C-alpha cells in the first residue's frame, strides 16, 4: 500500500475518533446540565480523550494478545494444537 494512502487512512481514522469523542463530551455536558464549552476548547478536550482512549485500547489489546499467545504456546508444548 502506498505510504500516502496509509497516512490518509490513519488521519481519517483519527478524525473520526475525535468526532466521536467530541459528540460524547457534548452529550455528557448536556446530561450534567453544564454549559458546553466553546468549539475550540471542546476540540482540544476531544483530541485528549480520543488519544487516551487509543492508548488504553492499544495497551489492553497487547495484553490480551500476549495472554492468547501464552495459552496457545503452552498447549503446543504439551503436544496439543489449537482446538484439540
PDB file of N, CA and C in Angstrom:
ATOM      1  N   UNK A   1       0.851  -1.172   0.000  1.00  0.00           N
ATOM      2  CA  UNK A   1       0.000   0.000   0.000  1.00  0.00           C
ATOM      3  C   UNK A   1       0.897   1.236   0.000  1.00  0.00           C
ATOM      4  N   UNK A   2       0.546   2.200  -0.768  1.00  0.00           N
ATOM      5  CA  UNK A   2       1.297   3.439  -0.864  1.00  0.00           C
ATOM      6  C   UNK A   2       1.320   4.141   0.500  1.00  0.00           C
ATOM      7  N   UNK A   3       2.466   4.722   0.856  1.00  0.00           N
ATOM      8  CA  UNK A   3       2.614   5.390   2.153  1.00  0.00           C
ATOM      9  C   UNK A   3       1.653   6.563   2.313  1.00  0.00           C
ATOM     10  N   UNK A   4       1.417   7.288   1.242  1.00  0.00           N
ATOM     11  CA  UNK A   4       0.496   8.424   1.317  1.00  0.00           C
ATOM     12  C   UNK A   4      -0.926   7.953   1.616  1.00  0.00           C
ATOM     13  N   UNK A   5      -1.314   6.835   1.041  1.00  0.00           N
ATOM     14  CA  UNK A   5      -2.645   6.272   1.303  1.00  0.00           C
ATOM     15  C   UNK A   5      -2.750   5.866   2.769  1.00  0.00           C
ATOM     16  N   UNK A   6      -1.693   5.233   3.295  1.00  0.00           N
ATOM     17  CA  UNK A   6      -1.685   4.840   4.713  1.00  0.00           C
ATOM     18  C   UNK A   6      -1.852   6.056   5.611  1.00  0.00           C
ATOM     19  N   UNK A   7      -1.116   7.111   5.315  1.00  0.00           N
ATOM     20  CA  UNK A   7      -1.203   8.329   6.133  1.00  0.00           C
ATOM     21  C   UNK A   7      -2.614   8.915   6.078  1.00  0.00           C
ATOM     22  N   UNK A   8      -3.205   8.916   4.891  1.00  0.00           N
ATOM     23  CA  UNK A   8      -4.559   9.454   4.745  1.00  0.00           C
ATOM     24  C   UNK A   8      -5.582   8.627   5.509  1.00  0.00           C
ATOM     25  N   UNK A   9      -5.443   7.315   5.459  1.00  0.00           N
ATOM     26  CA  UNK A   9      -6.374   6.437   6.180  1.00  0.00           C
ATOM     27  C   UNK A   9      -6.228   6.647   7.683  1.00  0.00           C
ATOM     28  N   UNK A  10      -4.987   6.741   8.162  1.00  0.00           N
ATOM     29  CA  UNK A  10      -4.758   6.976   9.590  1.00  0.00           C
ATOM     30  C   UNK A  10      -5.344   8.317  10.026  1.00  0.00           C
ATOM     31  N   UNK A  11      -5.166   9.346   9.183  1.00  0.00           N
ATOM     32  CA  UNK A  11      -5.700  10.660   9.502  1.00  0.00           C
ATOM     33  C   UNK A  11      -7.221  10.630   9.557  1.00  0.00           C
ATOM     34  N   UNK A  12      -7.838   9.925   8.619  1.00  0.00           N
ATOM     35  CA  UNK A  12      -9.294   9.799   8.617  1.00  0.00           C
ATOM     36  C   UNK A  12      -9.785   9.081   9.872  1.00  0.00           C
ATOM     37  N   UNK A  13      -9.062   8.037  10.279  1.00  0.00           N
ATOM     38  CA  UNK A  13      -9.443   7.295  11.485  1.00  0.00           C
ATOM     39  C   UNK A  13      -9.322   8.183  12.722  1.00  0.00           C
ATOM     40  N   UNK A  14      -8.238   8.944  12.828  1.00  0.00           N
ATOM     41  CA  UNK A  14      -8.061   9.854  13.964  1.00  0.00           C
ATOM     42  C   UNK A  14      -9.137  10.933  13.977  1.00  0.00           C
ATOM     43  N   UNK A  15      -9.461  11.464  12.816  1.00  0.00           N
ATOM     44  CA  UNK A  15     -10.522  12.475  12.737  1.00  0.00           C
ATOM     45  C   UNK A  15     -11.857  11.900  13.199  1.00  0.00           C
ATOM     46  N   UNK A  16     -12.136  10.668  12.801  1.00  0.00           N
ATOM     47  CA  UNK A  16     -13.384  10.018  13.220  1.00  0.00           C
ATOM     48  C   UNK A  16     -13.398   9.801  14.724  1.00  0.00           C
ATOM     49  N   UNK A  17     -12.265   9.365  15.282  1.00  0.00           N
ATOM     50  CA  UNK A  17     -12.175   9.186  16.741  1.00  0.00           C
ATOM     51  C   UNK A  17     -12.440  10.507  17.455  1.00  0.00           C
ATOM     52  N   UNK A  18     -11.856  11.585  16.947  1.00  0.00           N
ATOM     53  CA  UNK A  18     -12.051  12.896  17.572  1.00  0.00           C
ATOM     54  C   UNK A  18     -13.505  13.347  17.494  1.00  0.00           C
ATOM     55  N   UNK A  19     -14.159  13.098  16.377  1.00  0.00           N
ATOM     56  CA  UNK A  19     -15.562  13.489  16.232  1.00  0.00           C
ATOM     57  C   UNK A  19     -16.460  12.709  17.185  1.00  0.00           C
ATOM     58  N   UNK A  20     -16.188  11.431  17.337  1.00  0.00           N
ATOM     59  CA  UNK A  20     -16.970  10.618  18.281  1.00  0.00           C
ATOM     60  C   UNK A  20     -16.747  11.122  19.700  1.00  0.00           C
ATOM     61  N   UNK A  21     -15.491  11.368  20.055  1.00  0.00           N
ATOM     62  CA  UNK A  21     -15.188  11.878  21.398  1.00  0.00           C
ATOM     63  C   UNK A  21     -15.861  13.228  21.630  1.00  0.00           C
ATOM     64  N   UNK A  22     -15.862  14.093  20.622  1.00  0.00           N
ATOM     65  CA  UNK A  22     -16.488  15.407  20.749  1.00  0.00           C
ATOM     66  C   UNK A  22     -17.984  15.280  20.988  1.00  0.00           C
ATOM     67  N   UNK A  23     -18.636  14.389  20.250  1.00  0.00           N
ATOM     68  CA  UNK A  23     -20.086  14.239  20.434  1.00  0.00           C
ATOM     69  C   UNK A  23     -20.406  13.634  21.802  1.00  0.00           C
ATOM     70  N   UNK A  24     -19.565  12.718  22.267  1.00  0.00           N
ATOM     71  CA  UNK A  24     -19.778  12.144  23.608  1.00  0.00           C
ATOM     72  C   UNK A  24     -19.579  13.204  24.685  1.00  0.00           C
ATOM     73  N   UNK A  25     -18.538  14.024  24.538  1.00  0.00           N
ATOM     74  CA  UNK A  25     -18.315  15.101  25.507  1.00  0.00           C
ATOM     75  C   UNK A  25     -19.472  16.090  25.507  1.00  0.00           C
ATOM     76  N   UNK A  26     -19.952  16.452  24.323  1.00  0.00           N
ATOM     77  CA  UNK A  26     -21.083  17.381  24.213  1.00  0.00           C
ATOM     78  C   UNK A  26     -22.311  16.795  24.920  1.00  0.00           C
ATOM     79  N   UNK A  27     -22.556  15.499  24.703  1.00  0.00           N
ATOM     80  CA  UNK A  27     -23.684  14.814  25.346  1.00  0.00           C
ATOM     81  C   UNK A  27     -23.512  14.808  26.860  1.00  0.00           C
ATOM     82  N   UNK A  28     -22.277  14.535  27.316  1.00  0.00           N
ATOM     83  CA  UNK A  28     -22.001  14.478  28.754  1.00  0.00           C
ATOM     84  C   UNK A  28     -22.257  15.830  29.414  1.00  0.00           C
ATOM     85  N   UNK A  29     -21.784  16.894  28.787  1.00  0.00           N
ATOM     86  CA  UNK A  29     -22.019  18.227  29.347  1.00  0.00           C
ATOM     87  C   UNK A  29     -23.510  18.528  29.438  1.00  0.00           C
ATOM     88  N   UNK A  30     -24.245  18.205  28.397  1.00  0.00           N
ATOM     89  CA  UNK A  30     -25.683  18.469  28.406  1.00  0.00           C
ATOM     90  C   UNK A  30     -26.393  17.633  29.459  1.00  0.00           C
ATOM     91  N   UNK A  31     -25.994  16.370  29.602  1.00  0.00           N
ATOM     92  CA  UNK A  31     -26.619  15.480  30.580  1.00  0.00           C
ATOM     93  C   UNK A  31     -26.378  15.979  31.999  1.00  0.00           C
ATOM     94  N   UNK A  32     -25.176  16.507  32.248  1.00  0.00           N
ATOM     95  CA  UNK A  32     -24.845  17.015  33.579  1.00  0.00           C
ATOM     96  C   UNK A  32     -25.382  18.424  33.809  1.00  0.00           C
ATOM     97  N   UNK A  33     -25.999  19.013  32.794  1.00  0.00           N
ATOM     98  CA  UNK A  33     -26.558  20.352  32.929  1.00  0.00           C
ATOM     99  C   UNK A  33     -25.511  21.450  32.911  1.00  0.00           C
ATOM    100  N   UNK A  34     -24.331  21.138  32.422  1.00  0.00           N
ATOM    101  CA  UNK A  34     -23.259  22.121  32.350  1.00  0.00           C
ATOM    102  C   UNK A  34     -23.277  22.779  30.970  1.00  0.00           C
ATOM    103  N   UNK A  35     -22.803  24.008  30.904  1.00  0.00           N
ATOM    104  CA  UNK A  35     -22.719  24.647  29.578  1.00  0.00           C
ATOM    105  C   UNK A  35     -21.641  23.976  28.733  1.00  0.00           C
ATOM    106  N   UNK A  36     -21.930  23.792  27.460  1.00  0.00           N
ATOM    107  CA  UNK A  36     -20.964  23.190  26.548  1.00  0.00           C
ATOM    108  C   UNK A  36     -19.881  24.225  26.266  1.00  0.00           C
ATOM    109  N   UNK A  37     -18.602  23.847  26.406  1.00  0.00           N
ATOM    110  CA  UNK A  37     -17.519  24.812  26.158  1.00  0.00           C
ATOM    111  C   UNK A  37     -17.508  25.283  24.706  1.00  0.00           C
ATOM    112  N   UNK A  38     -16.744  26.328  24.463  1.00  0.00           N
ATOM    113  CA  UNK A  38     -16.617  26.828  23.095  1.00  0.00           C
ATOM    114  C   UNK A  38     -15.974  25.749  22.230  1.00  0.00           C
ATOM    115  N   UNK A  39     -16.215  25.848  20.934  1.00  0.00           N
ATOM    116  CA  UNK A  39     -15.803  24.785  19.996  1.00  0.00           C
ATOM    117  C   UNK A  39     -14.308  24.485  20.072  1.00  0.00           C
ATOM    118  N   UNK A  40     -13.492  25.521  20.200  1.00  0.00           N
ATOM    119  CA  UNK A  40     -12.041  25.320  20.261  1.00  0.00           C
ATOM    120  C   UNK A  40     -11.654  24.487  21.486  1.00  0.00           C
ATOM    121  N   UNK A  41     -12.233  24.816  22.622  1.00  0.00           N
ATOM    122  CA  UNK A  41     -11.955  24.095  23.863  1.00  0.00           C
ATOM    123  C   UNK A  41     -12.486  22.660  23.783  1.00  0.00           C
ATOM    124  N   UNK A  42     -13.657  22.489  23.216  1.00  0.00           N
ATOM    125  CA  UNK A  42     -14.245  21.161  23.051  1.00  0.00           C
ATOM    126  C   UNK A  42     -13.384  20.310  22.120  1.00  0.00           C
ATOM    127  N   UNK A  43     -12.841  20.912  21.083  1.00  0.00           N
ATOM    128  CA  UNK A  43     -11.954  20.208  20.149  1.00  0.00           C
ATOM    129  C   UNK A  43     -10.696  19.719  20.865  1.00  0.00           C
ATOM    130  N   UNK A  44     -10.102  20.572  21.696  1.00  0.00           N
ATOM    131  CA  UNK A  44      -8.907  20.177  22.443  1.00  0.00           C
ATOM    132  C   UNK A  44      -9.211  19.027  23.405  1.00  0.00           C
ATOM    133  N   UNK A  45     -10.323  19.130  24.108  1.00  0.00           N
ATOM    134  CA  UNK A  45     -10.716  18.062  25.031  1.00  0.00           C
ATOM    135  C   UNK A  45     -10.967  16.749  24.285  1.00  0.00           C
ATOM    136  N   UNK A  46     -11.619  16.838  23.151  1.00  0.00           N
ATOM    137  CA  UNK A  46     -11.938  15.621  22.404  1.00  0.00           C
ATOM    138  C   UNK A  46     -10.676  14.954  21.876  1.00  0.00           C
ATOM    139  N   UNK A  47      -9.687  15.747  21.450  1.00  0.00           N
ATOM    140  CA  UNK A  47      -8.421  15.163  21.000  1.00  0.00           C
ATOM    141  C   UNK A  47      -7.715  14.451  22.145  1.00  0.00           C
ATOM    142  N   UNK A  48      -7.743  15.073  23.326  1.00  0.00           N
ATOM    143  CA  UNK A  48      -7.117  14.472  24.507  1.00  0.00           C
ATOM    144  C   UNK A  48      -7.808  13.153  24.877  1.00  0.00           C
ATOM    145  N   UNK A  49      -9.130  13.181  24.918  1.00  0.00           N
ATOM    146  CA  UNK A  49      -9.901  11.987  25.275  1.00  0.00           C
ATOM    147  C   UNK A  49      -9.688  10.875  24.251  1.00  0.00           C
ATOM    148  N   UNK A  50      -9.703  11.219  22.981  1.00  0.00           N
ATOM    149  CA  UNK A  50      -9.507  10.220  21.928  1.00  0.00           C
ATOM    150  C   UNK A  50      -8.114   9.597  22.021  1.00  0.00           C
ATOM    151  N   UNK A  51      -7.110  10.419  22.294  1.00  0.00           N
ATOM    152  CA  UNK A  51      -5.741   9.899  22.413  1.00  0.00           C
ATOM    153  C   UNK A  51      -5.620   8.967  23.617  1.00  0.00           C
ATOM    154  N   UNK A  52      -6.202   9.350  24.743  1.00  0.00           N
ATOM    155  CA  UNK A  52      -6.178   8.486  25.933  1.00  0.00           C
ATOM    156  C   UNK A  52      -6.897   7.167  25.661  1.00  0.00           C
ATOM    157  N   UNK A  53      -8.047   7.235  25.020  1.00  0.00           N
ATOM    158  CA  UNK A  53      -8.792   6.008  24.698  1.00  0.00           C
ATOM    159  C   UNK A  53      -7.975   5.128  23.765  1.00  0.00           C
ATOM    160  N   UNK A  54      -7.315   5.732  22.804  1.00  0.00           N
ATOM    161  CA  UNK A  54      -6.481   4.985  21.866  1.00  0.00           C
ATOM    162  C   UNK A  54      -5.346   4.280  22.603  1.00  0.00           C
ATOM    163  N   UNK A  55      -4.721   4.973  23.565  1.00  0.00           N
ATOM    164  CA  UNK A  55      -3.632   4.383  24.347  1.00  0.00           C
ATOM    165  C   UNK A  55      -4.129   3.211  25.182  1.00  0.00           C
ATOM    166  N   UNK A  56      -5.283   3.362  25.821  1.00  0.00           N
ATOM    167  CA  UNK A  56      -5.838   2.300  26.659  1.00  0.00           C
ATOM    168  C   UNK A  56      -6.168   1.075  25.809  1.00  0.00           C
ATOM    169  N   UNK A  57      -6.810   1.289  24.693  1.00  0.00           N
ATOM    170  CA  UNK A  57      -7.179   0.173  23.814  1.00  0.00           C
ATOM    171  C   UNK A  57      -5.932  -0.521  23.290  1.00  0.00           C
ATOM    172  N   UNK A  58      -4.927   0.254  22.936  1.00  0.00           N
ATOM    173  CA  UNK A  58      -3.673  -0.311  22.442  1.00  0.00           C
ATOM    174  C   UNK A  58      -3.008  -1.178  23.502  1.00  0.00           C
ATOM    175  N   UNK A  59      -2.911  -0.642  24.699  1.00  0.00           N
ATOM    176  CA  UNK A  59      -2.243  -1.358  25.791  1.00  0.00           C
ATOM    177  C   UNK A  59      -2.999  -2.630  26.150  1.00  0.00           C
ATOM    178  N   UNK A  60      -4.303  -2.521  26.305  1.00  0.00           N
ATOM    179  CA  UNK A  60      -5.094  -3.694  26.675  1.00  0.00           C
ATOM    180  C   UNK A  60      -5.115  -4.730  25.563  1.00  0.00           C
ATOM    181  N   UNK A  61      -5.116  -4.266  24.326  1.00  0.00           N
ATOM    182  CA  UNK A  61      -5.079  -5.188  23.198  1.00  0.00           C
ATOM    183  C   UNK A  61      -3.795  -6.000  23.192  1.00  0.00           C
ATOM    184  N   UNK A  62      -2.685  -5.356  23.530  1.00  0.00           N
ATOM    185  CA  UNK A  62      -1.405  -6.060  23.597  1.00  0.00           C
ATOM    186  C   UNK A  62      -1.414  -7.086  24.721  1.00  0.00           C
ATOM    187  N   UNK A  63      -2.001  -6.729  25.857  1.00  0.00           N
ATOM    188  CA  UNK A  63      -2.069  -7.660  26.983  1.00  0.00           C
ATOM    189  C   UNK A  63      -2.896  -8.888  26.600  1.00  0.00           C
ATOM    190  N   UNK A  64      -4.031  -8.662  25.971  1.00  0.00           N
ATOM    191  CA  UNK A  64      -4.891  -9.772  25.553  1.00  0.00           C
ATOM    192  C   UNK A  64      -4.162 -10.649  24.539  1.00  0.00           C
ATOM    193  N   UNK A  65      -3.497 -10.027  23.579  1.00  0.00           N
ATOM    194  CA  UNK A  65      -2.760 -10.793  22.576  1.00  0.00           C
ATOM    195  C   UNK A  65      -1.656 -11.620  23.226  1.00  0.00           C
ATOM    196  N   UNK A  66      -0.927 -11.040  24.168  1.00  0.00           N
ATOM    197  CA  UNK A  66       0.129 -11.789  24.857  1.00  0.00           C
ATOM    198  C   UNK A  66      -0.434 -12.965  25.645  1.00  0.00           C
ATOM    199  N   UNK A  67      -1.574 -12.780  26.283  1.00  0.00           N
ATOM    200  CA  UNK A  67      -2.200 -13.873  27.033  1.00  0.00           C
ATOM    201  C   UNK A  67      -2.638 -14.992  26.091  1.00  0.00           C
ATOM    202  N   UNK A  68      -3.196 -14.619  24.949  1.00  0.00           N
ATOM    203  CA  UNK A  68      -3.582 -15.636  23.967  1.00  0.00           C
ATOM    204  C   UNK A  68      -2.368 -16.405  23.466  1.00  0.00           C
ATOM    205  N   UNK A  69      -1.268 -15.707  23.245  1.00  0.00           N
ATOM    206  CA  UNK A  69      -0.045 -16.368  22.811  1.00  0.00           C
ATOM    207  C   UNK A  69       0.446 -17.352  23.868  1.00  0.00           C
ATOM    208  N   UNK A  70       0.400 -16.948  25.141  1.00  0.00           N
ATOM    209  CA  UNK A  70       0.835 -17.833  26.228  1.00  0.00           C
ATOM    210  C   UNK A  70       0.004 -19.104  26.233  1.00  0.00           C
ATOM    211  N   UNK A  71      -1.301 -18.957  26.131  1.00  0.00           N
ATOM    212  CA  UNK A  71      -2.195 -20.118  26.145  1.00  0.00           C
ATOM    213  C   UNK A  71      -1.933 -21.005  24.939  1.00  0.00           C
ATOM    214  N   UNK A  72      -1.784 -20.401  23.785  1.00  0.00           N
ATOM    215  CA  UNK A  72      -1.553 -21.168  22.560  1.00  0.00           C
ATOM    216  C   UNK A  72      -0.252 -21.947  22.644  1.00  0.00           C
ATOM    217  N   UNK A  73       0.835 -21.274  23.025  1.00  0.00           N
ATOM    218  CA  UNK A  73       2.130 -21.939  23.052  1.00  0.00           C
ATOM    219  C   UNK A  73       2.244 -22.916  24.214  1.00  0.00           C
ATOM    220  N   UNK A  74       1.535 -22.691  25.298  1.00  0.00           N
ATOM    221  CA  UNK A  74       1.511 -23.634  26.414  1.00  0.00           C
ATOM    222  C   UNK A  74       0.855 -24.928  25.956  1.00  0.00           C
ATOM    223  N   UNK A  75      -0.249 -24.836  25.243  1.00  0.00           N
ATOM    224  CA  UNK A  75      -0.927 -26.015  24.713  1.00  0.00           C
ATOM    225  C   UNK A  75      -0.086 -26.708  23.667  1.00  0.00           C
ATOM    226  N   UNK A  76       0.668 -25.957  22.891  1.00  0.00           N
ATOM    227  CA  UNK A  76       1.516 -26.516  21.842  1.00  0.00           C
ATOM    228  C   UNK A  76       2.647 -27.347  22.442  1.00  0.00           C
ATOM    229  N   UNK A  77       3.156 -26.973  23.587  1.00  0.00           N
ATOM    230  CA  UNK A  77       4.246 -27.690  24.242  1.00  0.00           C
ATOM    231  C   UNK A  77       3.795 -29.060  24.744  1.00  0.00           C
ATOM    232  N   UNK A  78       2.547 -29.206  25.046  1.00  0.00           N
ATOM    233  CA  UNK A  78       2.006 -30.481  25.531  1.00  0.00           C
ATOM    234  C   UNK A  78       1.674 -31.420  24.389  1.00  0.00           C
ATOM    235  N   UNK A  79       1.934 -30.988  23.178  1.00  0.00           N
ATOM    236  CA  UNK A  79       1.622 -31.816  22.024  1.00  0.00           C
ATOM    237  C   UNK A  79       0.207 -31.614  21.544  1.00  0.00           C
ATOM    238  N   UNK A  80      -0.465 -30.615  22.062  1.00  0.00           N
ATOM    239  CA  UNK A  80      -1.817 -30.300  21.642  1.00  0.00           C
ATOM    240  C   UNK A  80      -1.787 -29.122  20.695  1.00  0.00           C
ATOM    241  N   UNK A  81      -2.617 -29.121  19.732  1.00  0.00           N
ATOM    242  CA  UNK A  81      -2.742 -27.985  18.843  1.00  0.00           C
ATOM    243  C   UNK A  81      -3.957 -27.175  19.225  1.00  0.00           C
ATOM    244  N   UNK A  82      -4.169 -26.070  18.562  1.00  0.00           N
ATOM    245  CA  UNK A  82      -5.364 -25.292  18.861  1.00  0.00           C
ATOM    246  C   UNK A  82      -6.622 -26.058  18.487  1.00  0.00           C
ATOM    247  N   UNK A  83      -7.593 -26.011  19.369  1.00  0.00           N
ATOM    248  CA  UNK A  83      -8.856 -26.676  19.105  1.00  0.00           C
ATOM    249  C   UNK A  83      -8.877 -28.151  19.467  1.00  0.00           C
ATOM    250  N   UNK A  84      -7.799 -28.635  20.052  1.00  0.00           N
ATOM    251  CA  UNK A  84      -7.788 -30.056  20.430  1.00  0.00           C
ATOM    252  C   UNK A  84      -8.032 -30.236  21.893  1.00  0.00           C
TER     253      UNK A  84
END
